[in-house]
Protein backbone atom coordinates (compact mmCIF):
# COMPACT_ATOMS: atom_id res chain seq x y z
CA MET A 1 -33.78 3.06 -27.28
CA LYS A 2 -31.36 1.56 -24.76
CA LEU A 3 -29.79 -1.81 -25.53
CA TRP A 4 -31.93 -3.35 -22.78
CA GLY A 5 -35.05 -1.30 -23.56
CA GLY A 6 -37.23 -3.96 -25.20
CA ARG A 7 -39.36 -4.55 -22.14
CA PHE A 8 -40.00 -0.84 -21.50
CA THR A 9 -42.66 1.46 -22.94
CA LYS A 10 -41.19 4.74 -21.72
CA PRO A 11 -37.66 6.15 -21.68
CA THR A 12 -36.01 6.59 -18.32
CA ASN A 13 -36.24 9.98 -16.70
CA GLN A 14 -33.20 12.13 -17.49
CA LEU A 15 -32.51 12.50 -13.77
CA VAL A 16 -32.47 8.71 -13.46
CA ASP A 17 -30.00 8.48 -16.34
CA GLU A 18 -27.75 11.03 -14.66
CA TYR A 19 -28.04 9.46 -11.22
CA THR A 20 -27.50 5.84 -12.20
CA ALA A 21 -24.89 6.29 -14.92
CA SER A 22 -21.37 5.17 -14.03
CA ILE A 23 -19.55 5.95 -17.27
CA SER A 24 -17.93 9.04 -15.72
CA PHE A 25 -15.73 6.76 -13.59
CA ASP A 26 -15.97 3.20 -14.91
CA LYS A 27 -14.49 4.34 -18.22
CA LYS A 28 -11.23 3.50 -16.46
CA LEU A 29 -12.19 -0.11 -17.14
CA ALA A 30 -12.41 0.34 -20.92
CA THR A 31 -9.25 -1.58 -21.87
CA TYR A 32 -10.09 -4.36 -19.41
CA ASP A 33 -13.66 -4.55 -20.68
CA ILE A 34 -12.44 -4.98 -24.24
CA GLU A 35 -9.75 -7.45 -23.17
CA GLY A 36 -12.43 -9.55 -21.50
CA SER A 37 -14.72 -9.23 -24.49
CA LEU A 38 -12.00 -10.42 -26.87
CA ALA A 39 -11.48 -13.51 -24.71
CA HIS A 40 -15.23 -14.06 -24.49
CA VAL A 41 -15.80 -13.87 -28.24
CA ALA A 42 -12.84 -16.18 -28.84
CA MET A 43 -14.55 -18.69 -26.54
CA LEU A 44 -17.90 -18.26 -28.32
CA LYS A 45 -16.09 -19.06 -31.57
CA ALA A 46 -14.19 -22.05 -30.14
CA CYS A 47 -17.38 -23.50 -28.67
CA LYS A 48 -19.24 -22.83 -31.93
CA ILE A 49 -21.88 -20.80 -30.11
CA ILE A 50 -21.70 -18.11 -32.79
CA PRO A 51 -20.35 -18.49 -36.36
CA ALA A 52 -16.59 -18.09 -36.75
CA ALA A 53 -17.04 -15.30 -39.28
CA ASP A 54 -19.20 -13.34 -36.85
CA ALA A 55 -16.70 -13.87 -34.06
CA ASP A 56 -13.84 -12.65 -36.24
CA LYS A 57 -15.81 -9.59 -37.27
CA ILE A 58 -16.62 -8.78 -33.65
CA ALA A 59 -12.98 -9.20 -32.63
CA GLU A 60 -11.85 -6.84 -35.39
CA GLY A 61 -14.49 -4.34 -34.36
CA LEU A 62 -13.41 -4.49 -30.71
CA GLN A 63 -9.84 -3.70 -31.71
CA ILE A 64 -11.06 -0.65 -33.63
CA VAL A 65 -13.15 0.49 -30.66
CA LEU A 66 -10.16 0.06 -28.36
CA LYS A 67 -7.94 2.19 -30.56
CA LYS A 68 -10.60 4.90 -30.76
CA ILE A 69 -11.06 4.94 -26.98
CA GLU A 70 -7.31 5.07 -26.37
CA ALA A 71 -6.98 7.92 -28.87
CA GLY A 72 -9.86 9.81 -27.26
CA GLU A 73 -11.89 9.60 -30.46
CA ALA A 74 -14.78 7.54 -29.09
CA GLU A 75 -17.79 9.29 -27.58
CA LEU A 76 -18.73 7.65 -24.31
CA SER A 77 -22.27 8.59 -23.47
CA GLU A 78 -24.08 8.83 -20.15
CA GLU A 79 -27.16 7.67 -22.05
CA HIS A 80 -25.58 4.22 -22.30
CA GLU A 81 -24.94 4.11 -18.56
CA ASP A 82 -21.65 2.27 -18.18
CA ILE A 83 -18.51 1.21 -20.00
CA HIS A 84 -19.96 -2.18 -20.97
CA MET A 85 -22.97 -0.73 -22.76
CA ASN A 86 -20.89 2.03 -24.32
CA VAL A 87 -18.40 -0.45 -25.75
CA GLU A 88 -21.21 -2.61 -27.11
CA LYS A 89 -22.90 0.42 -28.67
CA LEU A 90 -19.63 1.53 -30.29
CA LEU A 91 -19.04 -2.01 -31.51
CA ILE A 92 -22.45 -2.19 -33.16
CA GLU A 93 -21.75 1.14 -34.85
CA GLU A 94 -18.56 -0.39 -36.29
CA VAL A 95 -19.74 -3.85 -37.34
CA GLY A 96 -23.50 -3.64 -37.41
CA ALA A 97 -26.08 -5.80 -35.70
CA VAL A 98 -23.69 -8.75 -35.49
CA GLY A 99 -22.01 -6.86 -32.67
CA GLY A 100 -25.03 -7.70 -30.52
CA LYS A 101 -23.90 -11.34 -30.50
CA LEU A 102 -20.97 -10.42 -28.26
CA HIS A 103 -23.24 -10.44 -25.23
CA THR A 104 -24.28 -14.05 -25.80
CA GLY A 105 -23.82 -16.11 -22.65
CA ARG A 106 -22.84 -13.27 -20.32
CA SER A 107 -24.32 -10.46 -18.24
CA ARG A 108 -23.09 -7.07 -17.18
CA ASN A 109 -22.96 -8.61 -13.70
CA ASP A 110 -20.21 -11.11 -14.48
CA GLN A 111 -18.67 -8.68 -16.97
CA VAL A 112 -18.08 -5.93 -14.40
CA ALA A 113 -16.73 -8.42 -11.88
CA LEU A 114 -14.26 -9.59 -14.52
CA ASP A 115 -13.18 -6.05 -15.42
CA MET A 116 -12.57 -5.16 -11.78
CA ARG A 117 -10.47 -8.24 -11.19
CA LEU A 118 -8.36 -7.50 -14.25
CA TYR A 119 -7.92 -3.87 -13.15
CA LEU A 120 -7.06 -4.81 -9.58
CA ARG A 121 -4.58 -7.46 -10.69
CA ASP A 122 -2.61 -4.79 -12.54
CA ALA A 123 -3.04 -2.28 -9.70
CA ILE A 124 -1.62 -4.72 -7.15
CA GLY A 125 1.37 -5.41 -9.39
CA THR A 126 2.03 -1.68 -9.65
CA VAL A 127 1.81 -1.13 -5.88
CA ILE A 128 4.14 -4.07 -5.20
CA GLN A 129 6.75 -2.62 -7.56
CA GLN A 130 6.42 0.79 -5.95
CA LEU A 131 6.84 -0.72 -2.49
CA ILE A 132 10.03 -2.37 -3.72
CA ASP A 133 11.29 1.06 -4.79
CA VAL A 134 10.48 2.53 -1.37
CA GLU A 135 12.24 -0.36 0.36
CA LYS A 136 15.31 0.13 -1.82
CA ALA A 137 15.43 3.79 -0.78
CA LEU A 138 15.10 2.88 2.90
CA ILE A 139 17.79 0.21 2.61
CA SER A 140 20.06 2.68 0.83
CA GLN A 141 19.72 5.07 3.77
CA ALA A 142 20.27 2.19 6.19
CA LYS A 143 23.50 1.14 4.47
CA ALA A 144 24.75 4.73 4.53
CA ASN A 145 24.01 5.07 8.25
CA LEU A 146 25.25 1.85 9.82
CA ASP A 147 27.26 3.92 12.31
CA THR A 148 24.73 6.73 12.83
CA VAL A 149 23.45 6.62 16.40
CA MET A 150 20.16 8.32 17.23
CA PRO A 151 17.78 8.41 20.18
CA GLY A 152 15.22 5.64 20.22
CA TYR A 153 11.85 6.54 21.72
CA THR A 154 8.94 5.04 23.56
CA HIS A 155 6.00 7.28 24.46
CA LEU A 156 7.92 9.88 22.39
CA GLN A 157 10.38 10.04 25.30
CA ARG A 158 14.08 9.20 24.98
CA ALA A 159 14.44 5.47 25.67
CA GLN A 160 17.61 3.80 24.34
CA PRO A 161 20.06 4.66 21.55
CA VAL A 162 19.54 2.87 18.24
CA LEU A 163 21.16 3.01 14.85
CA PHE A 164 19.38 5.18 12.32
CA ALA A 165 19.82 2.18 10.00
CA HIS A 166 17.88 0.06 12.48
CA HIS A 167 15.06 2.60 12.46
CA MET A 168 14.91 2.58 8.66
CA MET A 169 14.86 -1.21 8.58
CA ALA A 170 11.82 -1.28 10.85
CA TYR A 171 9.84 0.34 8.06
CA VAL A 172 11.38 -1.96 5.47
CA PHE A 173 9.92 -4.96 7.26
CA MET A 174 6.54 -3.24 7.61
CA PHE A 175 6.43 -2.66 3.86
CA GLN A 176 7.57 -6.22 3.21
CA ARG A 177 4.57 -7.52 5.14
CA ASP A 178 2.44 -5.22 3.00
CA MET A 179 3.95 -6.78 -0.11
CA GLU A 180 3.31 -10.26 1.26
CA ARG A 181 -0.35 -9.42 1.91
CA LEU A 182 -0.78 -8.02 -1.57
CA THR A 183 0.96 -11.00 -3.15
CA ASP A 184 -1.19 -13.42 -1.16
CA SER A 185 -4.35 -11.55 -2.15
CA LEU A 186 -3.64 -12.18 -5.83
CA LYS A 187 -4.70 -15.81 -5.50
CA ARG A 188 -8.19 -14.58 -4.55
CA VAL A 189 -8.26 -11.75 -7.09
CA ASN A 190 -6.99 -13.86 -9.97
CA LYS A 191 -10.09 -15.95 -10.59
CA SER A 192 -12.45 -15.46 -13.50
CA PRO A 193 -16.15 -14.79 -12.80
CA LEU A 194 -17.10 -14.68 -16.50
CA GLY A 195 -19.71 -17.27 -17.33
CA ALA A 196 -21.64 -16.78 -14.12
CA GLY A 197 -24.17 -14.75 -16.10
CA ALA A 198 -26.52 -12.55 -14.14
CA LEU A 199 -26.44 -14.95 -11.18
CA ALA A 200 -27.20 -18.54 -12.26
CA GLY A 201 -24.89 -19.30 -15.18
CA THR A 202 -26.07 -19.66 -18.76
CA THR A 203 -27.82 -22.19 -20.98
CA PHE A 204 -25.14 -21.84 -23.67
CA PRO A 205 -22.39 -24.51 -23.72
CA ILE A 206 -19.63 -22.08 -22.79
CA ASP A 207 -16.13 -22.98 -21.66
CA ARG A 208 -15.33 -20.85 -18.64
CA GLN A 209 -11.83 -22.26 -18.26
CA PHE A 210 -11.02 -21.29 -21.85
CA VAL A 211 -11.67 -17.64 -20.98
CA ALA A 212 -9.81 -17.92 -17.67
CA ASP A 213 -6.74 -19.35 -19.39
CA LYS A 214 -6.82 -16.75 -22.15
CA LEU A 215 -6.92 -13.92 -19.59
CA GLY A 216 -4.19 -15.40 -17.40
CA PHE A 217 -6.41 -16.32 -14.45
CA ASP A 218 -5.47 -19.13 -12.10
CA GLY A 219 -8.97 -20.57 -12.26
CA ILE A 220 -12.67 -19.72 -12.18
CA CYS A 221 -15.01 -18.57 -9.44
CA GLU A 222 -16.67 -21.78 -8.33
CA ASN A 223 -20.20 -20.49 -7.60
CA SER A 224 -22.14 -18.26 -9.97
CA LEU A 225 -24.02 -16.42 -7.21
CA ASP A 226 -20.78 -15.72 -5.39
CA ALA A 227 -19.00 -14.77 -8.61
CA VAL A 228 -21.27 -11.81 -9.37
CA SER A 229 -21.92 -10.61 -5.81
CA ASP A 230 -18.46 -11.07 -4.31
CA ARG A 231 -16.50 -7.91 -3.64
CA ASP A 232 -14.32 -9.45 -0.93
CA PHE A 233 -11.34 -8.96 -3.21
CA VAL A 234 -12.04 -5.21 -3.33
CA VAL A 235 -12.40 -5.03 0.46
CA GLU A 236 -9.17 -6.96 0.86
CA PHE A 237 -7.34 -4.55 -1.43
CA LEU A 238 -8.75 -1.56 0.44
CA SER A 239 -7.72 -3.16 3.73
CA ASN A 240 -4.20 -3.86 2.48
CA ALA A 241 -4.02 -0.33 1.08
CA SER A 242 -5.09 1.05 4.46
CA LEU A 243 -2.22 -0.76 6.17
CA ILE A 244 0.23 0.59 3.59
CA ALA A 245 -1.15 4.09 4.07
CA MET A 246 -0.85 3.70 7.84
CA HIS A 247 2.80 2.65 7.56
CA LEU A 248 3.52 5.56 5.24
CA SER A 249 1.74 7.91 7.61
CA ARG A 250 3.77 6.79 10.62
CA LEU A 251 7.02 7.36 8.77
CA CYS A 252 5.72 10.72 7.51
CA GLU A 253 4.99 11.76 11.09
CA GLU A 254 8.60 11.04 12.01
CA LEU A 255 9.93 12.87 8.95
CA VAL A 256 7.88 15.90 9.94
CA GLN A 257 9.20 15.77 13.52
CA TRP A 258 12.81 15.03 12.58
CA SER A 259 12.94 17.92 10.09
CA SER A 260 11.78 20.45 12.70
CA ALA A 261 14.28 22.79 14.41
CA GLU A 262 13.48 21.09 17.70
CA PHE A 263 14.78 17.73 16.43
CA ASN A 264 16.97 18.79 13.48
CA PHE A 265 17.81 15.17 12.69
CA ILE A 266 17.18 15.29 8.94
CA GLU A 267 16.65 17.72 6.10
CA LEU A 268 14.33 16.86 3.25
CA ASP A 269 15.49 17.81 -0.22
CA ASP A 270 14.22 21.13 -1.57
CA SER A 271 12.47 19.31 -4.40
CA PHE A 272 10.19 17.55 -1.89
CA THR A 273 9.33 20.54 0.29
CA THR A 274 7.46 23.82 -0.15
CA GLY A 275 7.65 27.34 1.20
CA SER A 276 5.35 29.88 2.78
CA SER A 277 3.61 32.70 0.93
CA MET A 278 4.20 34.96 3.94
CA MET A 279 7.25 33.72 5.85
CA PRO A 280 10.33 33.62 3.62
CA GLN A 281 12.39 31.44 5.99
CA LYS A 282 9.98 28.49 5.92
CA LYS A 283 10.73 25.07 4.43
CA ASN A 284 7.69 22.90 4.96
CA PRO A 285 7.50 19.07 4.74
CA ASP A 286 4.25 19.31 2.77
CA VAL A 287 4.67 16.04 0.87
CA ALA A 288 5.04 14.06 4.09
CA GLU A 289 2.12 15.94 5.65
CA LEU A 290 -0.15 15.32 2.66
CA VAL A 291 0.68 11.62 2.52
CA ARG A 292 -0.15 11.49 6.22
CA GLY A 293 -3.40 13.39 5.56
CA LYS A 294 -4.53 11.19 2.67
CA THR A 295 -4.42 8.14 4.94
CA GLY A 296 -7.87 9.08 6.24
CA ARG A 297 -9.14 9.14 2.67
CA VAL A 298 -7.96 5.55 2.12
CA TYR A 299 -9.51 4.43 5.41
CA GLY A 300 -12.77 6.06 4.36
CA HIS A 301 -13.01 4.02 1.19
CA LEU A 302 -12.52 0.81 3.19
CA MET A 303 -15.30 1.70 5.61
CA GLY A 304 -17.53 2.82 2.74
CA MET A 305 -17.16 -0.50 0.94
CA LEU A 306 -17.75 -2.54 4.08
CA THR A 307 -20.86 -0.50 4.84
CA THR A 308 -22.19 -0.87 1.28
CA LEU A 309 -21.86 -4.65 1.40
CA LYS A 310 -23.00 -5.37 4.95
CA GLY A 311 -26.75 -5.71 4.24
CA LEU A 312 -26.87 -6.81 0.61
CA PRO A 313 -28.79 -9.97 -0.29
CA LEU A 314 -27.45 -12.21 -3.05
CA ALA A 315 -26.76 -11.64 -5.82
CA TYR A 316 -26.05 -8.37 -7.65
CA ASN A 317 -27.64 -5.14 -6.42
CA LYS A 318 -27.25 -1.63 -7.83
CA ASP A 319 -25.63 -0.60 -4.53
CA MET A 320 -22.54 -2.42 -5.80
CA GLN A 321 -21.98 0.31 -8.35
CA GLU A 322 -20.38 2.05 -5.36
CA ASP A 323 -17.53 -0.47 -5.45
CA LYS A 324 -15.50 1.29 -8.13
CA GLU A 325 -14.82 4.92 -7.25
CA GLY A 326 -13.31 4.07 -3.87
CA MET A 327 -11.16 1.35 -5.42
CA PHE A 328 -9.96 3.64 -8.20
CA ASP A 329 -9.27 6.53 -5.83
CA THR A 330 -7.45 4.33 -3.32
CA PHE A 331 -5.14 2.99 -6.00
CA GLU A 332 -4.45 6.45 -7.44
CA THR A 333 -3.88 7.89 -3.95
CA LEU A 334 -1.49 5.10 -3.02
CA LYS A 335 0.30 5.19 -6.36
CA GLY A 336 0.86 8.93 -6.07
CA ALA A 337 2.19 8.69 -2.52
CA LEU A 338 4.54 5.79 -3.25
CA ALA A 339 5.89 7.44 -6.39
CA LEU A 340 6.95 10.45 -4.29
CA PHE A 341 8.13 8.51 -1.30
CA ALA A 342 11.06 6.60 -2.79
CA PRO A 343 12.92 9.68 -4.12
CA MET A 344 12.02 11.72 -1.02
CA ILE A 345 13.71 9.11 1.21
CA GLU A 346 16.60 8.62 -1.22
CA THR A 347 17.46 12.33 -1.24
CA MET A 348 16.93 12.92 2.49
CA GLN A 349 19.98 14.34 4.30
CA VAL A 350 20.69 12.62 7.62
CA LYS A 351 22.36 14.83 10.23
CA GLN A 352 24.54 12.28 12.00
CA GLU A 353 26.28 14.75 14.33
CA ASN A 354 22.99 16.20 15.59
CA MET A 355 21.65 12.72 16.30
CA TYR A 356 24.82 11.75 18.15
CA GLN A 357 24.76 14.95 20.16
CA ALA A 358 21.19 14.15 21.18
CA VAL A 359 22.10 10.75 22.63
CA THR A 360 24.99 12.22 24.63
CA ASN A 361 22.61 14.69 26.27
CA ASP A 362 20.07 12.32 27.71
CA PHE A 363 19.77 9.29 29.98
CA SER A 364 19.11 6.68 27.30
CA ASN A 365 22.16 4.74 28.53
CA ALA A 366 20.63 4.27 31.99
CA THR A 367 19.46 0.74 31.23
CA ASP A 368 23.05 -0.21 30.42
CA LEU A 369 24.18 1.01 33.82
CA ALA A 370 21.49 -1.18 35.40
CA ASP A 371 22.53 -4.15 33.22
CA TYR A 372 26.17 -3.52 34.18
CA LEU A 373 25.30 -3.85 37.87
CA VAL A 374 23.34 -7.02 37.15
CA GLY A 375 26.45 -8.39 35.47
CA LYS A 376 28.29 -7.71 38.72
CA GLY A 377 25.78 -9.81 40.66
CA MET A 378 23.19 -7.23 41.75
CA PRO A 379 19.51 -8.27 41.29
CA PHE A 380 17.87 -6.25 38.50
CA ARG A 381 15.17 -4.74 40.71
CA GLU A 382 17.85 -3.42 43.06
CA SER A 383 20.00 -2.15 40.18
CA HIS A 384 16.95 -0.44 38.70
CA ALA A 385 16.39 1.45 41.94
CA VAL A 386 20.07 2.39 42.27
CA VAL A 387 20.24 3.76 38.73
CA GLY A 388 17.02 5.67 39.27
CA GLN A 389 18.69 7.44 42.20
CA VAL A 390 21.75 8.20 40.07
CA VAL A 391 19.60 9.67 37.30
CA LEU A 392 17.62 11.79 39.78
CA ALA A 393 20.82 13.18 41.26
CA CYS A 394 22.12 13.99 37.78
CA ILE A 395 18.92 15.82 36.88
CA ASN A 396 19.10 17.84 40.11
CA ASN A 397 22.71 18.79 39.36
CA GLY A 398 22.44 19.41 35.62
CA LYS A 399 24.57 16.43 34.64
CA TYR A 400 24.36 13.31 32.52
CA LEU A 401 25.74 9.86 33.42
CA LEU A 402 28.99 10.29 31.51
CA ASP A 403 29.60 13.59 33.36
CA LEU A 404 30.01 11.74 36.66
CA THR A 405 33.38 10.80 38.12
CA LEU A 406 34.22 7.27 39.15
CA ASP A 407 34.00 8.35 42.81
CA GLU A 408 30.49 9.69 42.22
CA PHE A 409 29.47 6.41 40.58
CA GLN A 410 30.96 4.38 43.43
CA SER A 411 29.10 6.46 46.00
CA TYR A 412 26.01 4.62 44.75
CA SER A 413 27.60 1.19 44.35
CA ALA A 414 31.08 -0.13 44.96
CA LEU A 415 30.47 -2.62 42.13
CA ILE A 416 31.04 0.11 39.56
CA GLU A 417 34.56 0.17 38.12
CA GLY A 418 36.51 2.30 35.64
CA ASP A 419 35.19 0.43 32.58
CA ILE A 420 31.79 2.03 33.13
CA PHE A 421 32.73 5.03 30.98
CA ASP A 422 33.26 2.85 27.93
CA VAL A 423 30.13 0.82 28.71
CA LEU A 424 27.97 3.96 28.69
CA LYS A 425 29.21 5.41 25.39
CA PRO A 426 26.33 5.60 22.86
CA GLU A 427 28.14 3.43 20.28
CA THR A 428 28.91 0.81 22.96
CA VAL A 429 25.30 0.86 24.14
CA VAL A 430 24.11 0.27 20.58
CA ASN A 431 26.55 -2.49 19.70
CA ALA A 432 25.97 -4.29 23.00
CA ARG A 433 22.54 -5.25 21.65
CA ASP A 434 23.92 -7.81 19.26
CA VAL A 435 20.92 -10.13 19.31
CA ALA A 436 18.78 -11.22 16.38
CA GLY A 437 16.71 -8.21 15.41
CA GLY A 438 18.69 -5.90 17.69
CA THR A 439 20.20 -2.52 16.94
CA ALA A 440 23.90 -3.52 16.90
CA ARG A 441 25.62 -2.91 13.58
CA LYS A 442 26.19 -6.64 12.95
CA SER A 443 22.52 -7.36 13.64
CA VAL A 444 21.33 -4.57 11.35
CA GLU A 445 23.62 -5.83 8.57
CA VAL A 446 21.93 -9.23 8.91
CA GLN A 447 18.52 -7.53 8.75
CA ILE A 448 19.51 -5.80 5.52
CA GLU A 449 20.58 -9.13 4.01
CA GLN A 450 17.32 -10.74 5.14
CA ALA A 451 15.25 -7.92 3.69
CA LEU A 452 17.04 -8.05 0.35
CA ALA A 453 16.49 -11.82 0.17
CA VAL A 454 12.77 -11.47 0.91
CA MET A 455 12.48 -8.66 -1.62
CA GLU A 456 14.09 -10.80 -4.28
CA GLU A 457 11.79 -13.72 -3.49
CA LEU A 458 8.68 -11.55 -3.59
CA THR A 459 9.80 -9.94 -6.83
CA LEU A 460 10.27 -13.35 -8.45
CA HIS A 461 6.89 -14.48 -7.16
CA GLU A 462 5.21 -11.31 -8.41
């Protein structure tokens, strides 16, 4: 007979047991379920809802069950549906019928909401720490490449030279916003739903704040209906995870491009690449490609959760059993990607000479020629047209701007003087953009300092 079977005259169909059981995946919540139960029974004891001796016996039994589960010695059965019922069944086997008193004043509805919040609180902390590691790797590459000039792109076309350090720092700030979102979400995750019961609270004189304090929550969920039916915190995590995955995917796309023979800007370490079973010369950026590929998987879990919740009436519905697998898989997917990412970036070889050669064989300094003419008094629209004519002539003659003579420059405008050759050097072009957030070395050094300060603040807050 199931623990809830008193009202029933027939056992559930085996197919129903198999279809509705969640123990195959919610066993991940075992330690959190027992942690919550220990806090709950401590509250029942403090409020004198059950005898102190019974509470102590239950607590001892829960510790035994926890050790058995952690050691793989406990049999978790599909017959008992979920982790909550399995733990209670194991507890009763350890301490006898008194174990049934553990469920006084609570429901599986508020119990599962509690377990998920505890799990997600830890998961968010893990992801934040991993993001810090990725940022450290990016900043390390930025510091090592403060004089490495590379082509900057718009529309995947050469645009203006930038420092490779500047490019790395762009991703640092993306990941810092991800950390900020995760940190902010904790104030919504870190509230205790226990005590909400099935949906309306309980008749027992429980102390919800006692449990919240014991479990390290910032407070309690204010409304019992909301407490058991809310999965906003899961959606928010999946949304934040999707943004992280998107940022990782964008960087992966660039790593894949840059490591190709056509770009040849970087080389990923052998330990983070794979080969071909047929072509012996191949070195494939499979890790970057797979991280990019798994982004769709993370997005899918977000859309799945939103779709599950969109038509549900209050309060708990069995549909909400679908809230766990996507959350678990998203965290594991993200954790796996981030664990690989930091060392992959750290060990990446940057080919400074190839990058510099690329910016000397393009027209990414054309804007600086236009700005130079503006500095001499020419309206920008006119200078834009003049430089466009210069570039067209260079293309037709197989030249770049720095290949021209002063006479050739002056044939387009007498305003151009001999200093133009220094003005158009890639390093000059880069360092001329010494504005806040710009690509000049001094500006990028400031960005690194800013990022390190934010990282330290977020770490302390976390």
